[in-house]
Amino acid sequence: MNVLSESDINLIKEIREYRNRIAHELINFLLEENSEIPLGHISLMRKLIYKIKMWWIMEVESQINPEFENIRPDDIQLPVLQILDQIIEIVSEYCSNVY
């Protein structure tokens, strides 16, 4: 069940710490002059979610769900990734206009 490497786990911890900072200190984060939107963290989160979801579908769902029996990774659409792609696009546009 080695879906996540030690490096992946460390990234999750780093992203979680940043998320907690924003969640618990939102006003300070918004008012800080040099605060940055964590586009890199969002991109890393997207990669990790993709990795976990694909592992789950290919290793678990394909074994128990007939709909996934002969599925290929390229055939899988993950709505959560589509949402994250939109967020990344919006944040990228915002950052290019602001910075």
Protein backbone atom coordinates (compact mmCIF):
# COMPACT_ATOMS: atom_id res chain seq x y z
CA MET A 1 0.00 0.00 0.00
CA ASN A 2 2.88 2.38 -0.62
CA VAL A 3 0.90 5.06 -2.38
CA LEU A 4 2.73 7.90 -0.62
CA SER A 5 6.46 8.24 -0.24
CA GLU A 6 8.18 9.80 2.76
CA SER A 7 8.69 12.89 0.60
CA ASP A 8 4.94 13.03 -0.15
CA ILE A 9 4.14 12.80 3.56
CA ASN A 10 6.55 15.65 4.31
CA LEU A 11 4.87 17.77 1.61
CA ILE A 12 1.47 17.07 3.13
CA LYS A 13 2.75 18.18 6.53
CA GLU A 14 4.20 21.37 5.03
CA ILE A 15 0.98 22.17 3.16
CA ARG A 16 -1.06 21.44 6.29
CA GLU A 17 1.06 23.82 8.37
CA TYR A 18 0.57 26.56 5.79
CA ARG A 19 -3.16 25.82 5.62
CA ASN A 20 -3.42 26.03 9.41
CA ARG A 21 -1.61 29.35 9.40
CA ILE A 22 -4.05 30.77 6.88
CA ALA A 23 -7.10 29.28 8.61
CA HIS A 24 -6.16 30.47 12.09
CA GLU A 25 -4.60 33.78 11.16
CA LEU A 26 -6.69 34.72 8.12
CA ILE A 27 -7.01 38.42 8.95
CA ASN A 28 -3.27 38.76 9.54
CA PHE A 29 -2.55 36.84 6.34
CA LEU A 30 -4.86 39.07 4.30
CA LEU A 31 -3.47 42.27 5.79
CA GLU A 32 0.22 41.35 5.55
CA GLU A 33 1.89 43.42 2.90
CA ASN A 34 4.18 40.63 1.70
CA SER A 35 1.83 37.66 2.05
CA GLU A 36 1.78 35.42 -0.99
CA ILE A 37 -0.91 33.23 -2.41
CA PRO A 38 0.45 29.67 -2.07
CA LEU A 39 0.28 28.68 -5.76
CA GLY A 40 3.12 26.20 -5.28
CA HIS A 41 1.28 24.57 -2.39
CA ILE A 42 -1.91 24.33 -4.46
CA SER A 43 0.00 22.71 -7.33
CA LEU A 44 1.67 20.22 -4.98
CA MET A 45 -1.69 19.45 -3.40
CA ARG A 46 -3.10 18.77 -6.87
CA LYS A 47 -0.29 16.33 -7.67
CA LEU A 48 -0.76 14.49 -4.40
CA ILE A 49 -4.54 14.27 -4.81
CA TYR A 50 -4.05 12.93 -8.34
CA LYS A 51 -1.58 10.32 -7.10
CA ILE A 52 -3.86 9.16 -4.28
CA LYS A 53 -7.07 9.11 -6.35
CA MET A 54 -5.44 7.25 -9.25
CA TRP A 55 -3.94 4.71 -6.89
CA TRP A 56 -7.34 4.17 -5.29
CA ILE A 57 -9.10 3.69 -8.62
CA MET A 58 -6.46 1.46 -10.16
CA GLU A 59 -5.68 -0.63 -7.10
CA VAL A 60 -8.99 -0.78 -5.23
CA GLU A 61 -11.94 0.26 -7.40
CA SER A 62 -10.77 -1.72 -10.40
CA GLN A 63 -10.81 -4.84 -8.23
CA ILE A 64 -14.30 -4.41 -6.78
CA ASN A 65 -16.23 -2.31 -9.29
CA PRO A 66 -17.01 -3.81 -12.72
CA GLU A 67 -17.23 -0.31 -14.23
CA PHE A 68 -13.50 0.16 -13.58
CA GLU A 69 -12.42 -3.31 -14.70
CA ASN A 70 -10.61 -2.33 -17.91
CA ILE A 71 -10.16 1.36 -17.27
CA ARG A 72 -6.98 3.15 -18.28
CA PRO A 73 -5.59 6.09 -16.29
CA ASP A 74 -6.07 8.41 -19.28
CA ASP A 75 -9.81 7.64 -19.25
CA ILE A 76 -10.33 8.84 -15.68
CA GLN A 77 -11.76 12.30 -15.05
CA LEU A 78 -11.42 13.65 -11.52
CA PRO A 79 -13.74 16.60 -10.79
CA VAL A 80 -11.70 17.69 -7.77
CA LEU A 81 -8.69 18.17 -10.08
CA GLN A 82 -10.76 20.21 -12.51
CA ILE A 83 -11.70 22.51 -9.63
CA LEU A 84 -8.08 22.78 -8.50
CA ASP A 85 -7.02 23.52 -12.09
CA GLN A 86 -9.48 26.42 -12.16
CA ILE A 87 -8.20 27.71 -8.82
CA ILE A 88 -4.60 27.48 -10.06
CA GLU A 89 -5.51 29.34 -13.24
CA ILE A 90 -7.32 32.12 -11.35
CA VAL A 91 -4.53 32.50 -8.80
CA SER A 92 -1.90 32.52 -11.56
CA GLU A 93 -3.74 35.27 -13.40
CA TYR A 94 -4.17 37.26 -10.20
CA CYS A 95 -0.49 36.90 -9.29
CA SER A 96 0.66 37.96 -12.74
CA ASN A 97 -1.50 41.10 -12.48
CA VAL A 98 -0.52 41.98 -8.91
CA TYR A 99 3.14 41.05 -8.74
